[in-house]
Amino acid sequence: MIYLIDDNKNNKRVNEMKIHYVDNDDFKSILKPIEKLKKNCDLSFLKDAECILIHKTTDDCDSDGEFIDNSNTNALKIIEEISEYGEKIPLVIFSNRMDEKATYSFIESPNCIFKIKKSIFYIRLYDFLSEYKTHGKIELRIIAHGKNFRSEESDKAGKAIIDYLLKYSLHKKFDVTMVDIDTLRSFYSLLELEDNFDVFFQELQSSSITVKQFVIKITQALESIEQYGKYIYNWKK
């Protein structure tokens, strides 16, 4: 189950943002929205969550269910202890006070979006939930960059790889030590090829491809993902 923790005061989600899919039956089987948590309540039920989506400034409630202004102990405990910033449970932290551009790195911290503006979060949440409902996959990059995240992520990684290679002669034999391995791994994951990265890496090490040929393959992949949203070619040809 994915848990959405947002105090949603005055039903802003519907009244101001016009978001209805959270509270109707569209994602009832996979999404549990929570608007109120009593201060010092038992949060152990979250330890089995597939993902936690949390409004950073969600206020605690008193015994009568009334919000306690500026009391955010539950939110902090969920972020820092239950999830440990994505180390235990994938986590998304959102707030209106945050920037529209997500603070997120698929390479360094793939399971935590540290910051994203609340309105942007809700715009992208539908596609994120649809992906999970269809494929059972927690894909935080959809929330961080939008449903066509592969284009932005691959563009960033692909251009970084090309920048590494421009230091060498285009006619020189390509060697995997010429590029950052984590960046190459990230780029390869976006191609969604059958072979795992270790197989790809070994084949690349033993190939006779030149720097120029490798740059052409990277460029072709970037163009494919931008145009079709995925890599449509055969890497080995």
Protein backbone atom coordinates (compact mmCIF):
# COMPACT_ATOMS: atom_id res chain seq x y z
CA MET A 1 0.00 0.00 0.00
CA ILE A 2 1.12 3.55 -0.78
CA TYR A 3 0.36 6.02 2.03
CA LEU A 4 -0.39 9.67 1.30
CA ILE A 5 -0.08 11.78 4.44
CA ASP A 6 -1.44 15.29 3.93
CA ASP A 7 -3.54 17.29 6.39
CA ASN A 8 -5.52 18.64 3.41
CA LYS A 9 -7.06 21.41 5.49
CA ASN A 10 -10.34 22.81 4.18
CA ASN A 11 -10.25 20.07 1.54
CA LYS A 12 -7.82 22.14 -0.56
CA ARG A 13 -7.03 19.10 -2.67
CA VAL A 14 -10.49 19.23 -4.22
CA ASN A 15 -11.63 22.82 -3.67
CA GLU A 16 -8.47 24.57 -4.88
CA MET A 17 -6.45 21.99 -6.80
CA LYS A 18 -9.40 20.14 -8.36
CA ILE A 19 -7.82 16.77 -7.53
CA HIS A 20 -10.54 14.12 -7.19
CA TYR A 21 -8.74 10.85 -7.96
CA VAL A 22 -7.21 10.61 -4.46
CA ASP A 23 -10.55 10.45 -2.68
CA ASN A 24 -12.64 8.51 -5.18
CA ASP A 25 -12.21 4.83 -6.09
CA ASP A 26 -9.63 5.22 -8.88
CA PHE A 27 -6.73 4.00 -6.75
CA LYS A 28 -8.50 2.64 -3.68
CA SER A 29 -6.68 -0.71 -3.93
CA ILE A 30 -3.19 0.81 -3.79
CA LEU A 31 -3.50 4.23 -2.10
CA LYS A 32 -4.39 5.09 1.49
CA PRO A 33 -4.81 8.84 2.12
CA ILE A 34 -4.39 9.96 5.73
CA GLU A 35 -5.34 13.47 6.83
CA LYS A 36 -5.06 13.26 10.62
CA LEU A 37 -2.57 11.62 12.94
CA LYS A 38 -2.83 12.12 16.69
CA LYS A 39 0.31 13.35 18.40
CA ASN A 40 2.49 10.48 19.64
CA CYS A 41 0.31 7.91 17.90
CA ASP A 42 1.58 4.46 16.92
CA LEU A 43 3.11 4.73 13.43
CA SER A 44 4.24 1.12 13.15
CA PHE A 45 1.60 0.41 10.49
CA LEU A 46 3.72 2.44 8.06
CA LYS A 47 6.68 0.07 8.29
CA ASP A 48 5.11 -2.22 5.67
CA ALA A 49 4.36 0.63 3.26
CA GLU A 50 5.47 0.32 -0.34
CA CYS A 51 5.97 4.09 -0.44
CA ILE A 52 5.22 7.12 1.73
CA LEU A 53 4.15 10.46 0.27
CA ILE A 54 4.15 13.15 2.94
CA HIS A 55 3.34 16.83 3.28
CA LYS A 56 6.29 18.01 5.37
CA THR A 57 4.29 20.45 7.48
CA THR A 58 1.39 18.13 8.30
CA ASP A 59 0.26 19.11 11.79
CA ASP A 60 -0.36 16.62 14.59
CA CYS A 61 -3.87 16.33 16.02
CA ASP A 62 -5.04 16.39 19.63
CA SER A 63 -7.31 13.79 21.21
CA ASP A 64 -10.34 15.53 19.69
CA GLY A 65 -8.95 15.42 16.18
CA GLU A 66 -8.15 19.13 16.09
CA PHE A 67 -4.92 20.23 14.44
CA ILE A 68 -2.15 21.49 16.71
CA ASP A 69 -0.52 24.46 15.01
CA ASN A 70 3.20 24.09 14.30
CA SER A 71 3.36 20.64 15.87
CA ASN A 72 4.87 18.31 13.27
CA THR A 73 6.29 15.48 15.38
CA ASN A 74 4.59 12.72 13.40
CA ALA A 75 5.77 14.07 10.06
CA LEU A 76 9.36 14.36 11.30
CA LYS A 77 9.31 10.86 12.78
CA ILE A 78 7.97 9.39 9.55
CA ILE A 79 10.58 11.17 7.45
CA GLU A 80 13.60 10.66 9.69
CA GLU A 81 12.88 7.35 11.45
CA ILE A 82 10.19 5.31 9.67
CA SER A 83 11.54 5.99 6.19
CA GLU A 84 15.02 7.31 7.00
CA TYR A 85 14.86 9.52 3.92
CA GLY A 86 14.14 6.57 1.64
CA GLU A 87 16.71 4.18 3.12
CA LYS A 88 13.96 1.97 4.60
CA ILE A 89 10.87 2.97 2.62
CA PRO A 90 10.66 5.03 -0.61
CA LEU A 91 9.72 8.59 0.33
CA VAL A 92 8.42 11.77 -1.28
CA ILE A 93 8.44 15.01 0.73
CA PHE A 94 6.28 17.83 -0.63
CA SER A 95 5.21 21.31 0.47
CA ASN A 96 3.94 24.52 -1.10
CA ARG A 97 7.03 26.25 0.23
CA MET A 98 9.31 24.08 -1.89
CA ASP A 99 10.62 24.67 -5.43
CA GLU A 100 8.87 23.35 -8.53
CA LYS A 101 12.05 21.54 -9.54
CA ALA A 102 12.39 18.42 -7.42
CA THR A 103 15.44 17.85 -5.25
CA TYR A 104 16.15 14.32 -6.43
CA SER A 105 19.01 12.20 -7.74
CA PHE A 106 18.29 8.81 -9.25
CA ILE A 107 21.98 7.92 -8.96
CA GLU A 108 22.69 9.09 -5.40
CA SER A 109 19.31 8.64 -3.65
CA PRO A 110 16.87 6.83 -5.96
CA ASN A 111 14.31 6.21 -3.20
CA CYS A 112 13.85 9.73 -1.86
CA ILE A 113 12.53 12.97 -3.31
CA PHE A 114 13.73 15.41 -0.66
CA LYS A 115 11.74 18.39 -1.91
CA ILE A 116 9.02 19.11 -4.46
CA LYS A 117 6.31 21.76 -4.62
CA LYS A 118 2.92 20.47 -3.52
CA SER A 119 1.05 21.58 -6.64
CA ILE A 120 3.60 19.88 -8.93
CA PHE A 121 3.48 16.75 -6.79
CA TYR A 122 -0.27 16.44 -7.23
CA ILE A 123 -0.07 17.10 -10.97
CA ARG A 124 2.28 14.12 -11.38
CA LEU A 125 0.81 11.84 -8.75
CA TYR A 126 -1.85 10.39 -11.06
CA ASP A 127 0.72 9.04 -13.51
CA PHE A 128 2.85 7.73 -10.64
CA LEU A 129 -0.11 5.81 -9.22
CA SER A 130 -1.12 4.54 -12.66
CA GLU A 131 2.38 3.14 -13.17
CA TYR A 132 2.24 1.34 -9.83
CA LYS A 133 -1.28 0.04 -10.41
CA THR A 134 -0.37 -1.33 -13.84
CA HIS A 135 3.18 -2.57 -13.32
CA GLY A 136 3.61 -2.74 -9.53
CA LYS A 137 6.63 -0.45 -9.74
CA ILE A 138 7.48 2.49 -7.49
CA GLU A 139 8.90 4.96 -10.03
CA LEU A 140 9.76 8.16 -8.19
CA ARG A 141 11.19 9.69 -11.36
CA ILE A 142 7.62 10.22 -12.57
CA ILE A 143 6.97 12.54 -9.62
CA ALA A 144 10.40 14.16 -9.87
CA HIS A 145 10.37 14.85 -13.62
CA GLY A 146 6.96 13.89 -15.06
CA LYS A 147 5.79 10.79 -16.93
CA ASN A 148 8.33 11.33 -19.70
CA PHE A 149 11.15 11.32 -17.13
CA ARG A 150 13.25 9.05 -19.34
CA SER A 151 13.84 11.92 -21.75
CA GLU A 152 15.14 14.29 -19.06
CA GLU A 153 17.12 11.66 -17.17
CA SER A 154 18.67 10.15 -20.30
CA ASP A 155 19.49 13.59 -21.71
CA LYS A 156 21.35 14.49 -18.52
CA ALA A 157 23.26 11.20 -18.30
CA GLY A 158 23.88 10.89 -22.05
CA LYS A 159 25.32 14.38 -22.36
CA ALA A 160 27.54 13.76 -19.33
CA ILE A 161 28.90 10.63 -21.02
CA ILE A 162 29.56 12.53 -24.25
CA ASP A 163 31.34 15.26 -22.30
CA TYR A 164 33.66 12.64 -20.84
CA LEU A 165 34.41 11.25 -24.28
CA LEU A 166 35.14 14.60 -25.94
CA LYS A 167 38.45 14.56 -24.08
CA TYR A 168 39.62 11.77 -26.39
CA SER A 169 40.24 11.36 -30.11
CA LEU A 170 37.09 10.16 -31.87
CA HIS A 171 39.11 7.46 -33.61
CA LYS A 172 40.50 6.05 -30.37
CA LYS A 173 39.20 2.67 -29.19
CA PHE A 174 36.51 3.16 -26.58
CA ASP A 175 37.36 2.05 -23.07
CA VAL A 176 34.91 1.94 -20.16
CA THR A 177 37.42 3.79 -17.98
CA MET A 178 36.79 6.87 -20.13
CA VAL A 179 33.39 7.46 -18.51
CA ASP A 180 31.89 7.54 -15.03
CA ILE A 181 30.49 4.06 -14.36
CA ASP A 182 27.53 5.24 -12.24
CA THR A 183 26.48 7.64 -14.99
CA LEU A 184 26.79 4.88 -17.57
CA ARG A 185 24.76 2.55 -15.36
CA SER A 186 22.04 5.18 -14.97
CA PHE A 187 21.91 5.79 -18.71
CA TYR A 188 21.75 2.07 -19.49
CA SER A 189 18.85 1.55 -17.08
CA LEU A 190 16.79 4.03 -19.09
CA LEU A 191 17.25 1.99 -22.26
CA GLU A 192 15.38 -0.91 -20.60
CA LEU A 193 17.27 -3.59 -22.53
CA GLU A 194 17.02 -7.30 -21.79
CA ASP A 195 20.62 -7.79 -20.64
CA ASN A 196 21.49 -6.56 -17.17
CA PHE A 197 24.17 -3.92 -16.78
CA ASP A 198 26.92 -6.38 -15.87
CA VAL A 199 26.46 -8.26 -19.16
CA PHE A 200 26.37 -4.98 -21.09
CA PHE A 201 29.49 -3.78 -19.28
CA GLN A 202 31.46 -6.95 -20.05
CA GLU A 203 30.48 -6.87 -23.71
CA LEU A 204 31.49 -3.23 -23.90
CA GLN A 205 34.87 -4.00 -22.38
CA SER A 206 35.60 -6.66 -24.97
CA SER A 207 34.24 -4.77 -27.99
CA SER A 208 36.31 -2.91 -30.58
CA ILE A 209 33.98 0.09 -30.81
CA THR A 210 35.57 3.50 -31.25
CA VAL A 211 34.82 6.65 -29.27
CA LYS A 212 33.04 8.07 -32.32
CA GLN A 213 30.85 4.99 -32.73
CA PHE A 214 29.95 5.03 -29.05
CA VAL A 215 29.03 8.73 -29.19
CA ILE A 216 26.80 7.98 -32.21
CA LYS A 217 25.02 5.22 -30.25
CA ILE A 218 24.47 7.53 -27.28
CA THR A 219 23.14 10.29 -29.53
CA GLN A 220 20.82 7.87 -31.34
CA ALA A 221 19.47 6.66 -28.00
CA LEU A 222 18.80 10.23 -26.82
CA GLU A 223 16.92 11.03 -30.03
CA SER A 224 14.86 7.84 -29.75
CA ILE A 225 13.83 8.48 -26.14
CA GLU A 226 12.97 12.11 -26.89
CA GLN A 227 10.86 11.20 -29.92
CA TYR A 228 9.25 7.93 -28.83
CA GLY A 229 9.61 8.01 -25.04
CA LYS A 230 11.73 4.84 -25.21
CA TYR A 231 14.73 3.28 -26.92
CA ILE A 232 13.53 1.50 -30.08
CA TYR A 233 16.81 0.36 -31.66
CA ASN A 234 19.10 -2.66 -31.26
CA TRP A 235 22.16 -1.56 -29.29
CA LYS A 236 24.29 -4.42 -30.62
CA LYS A 237 23.87 -3.44 -34.26
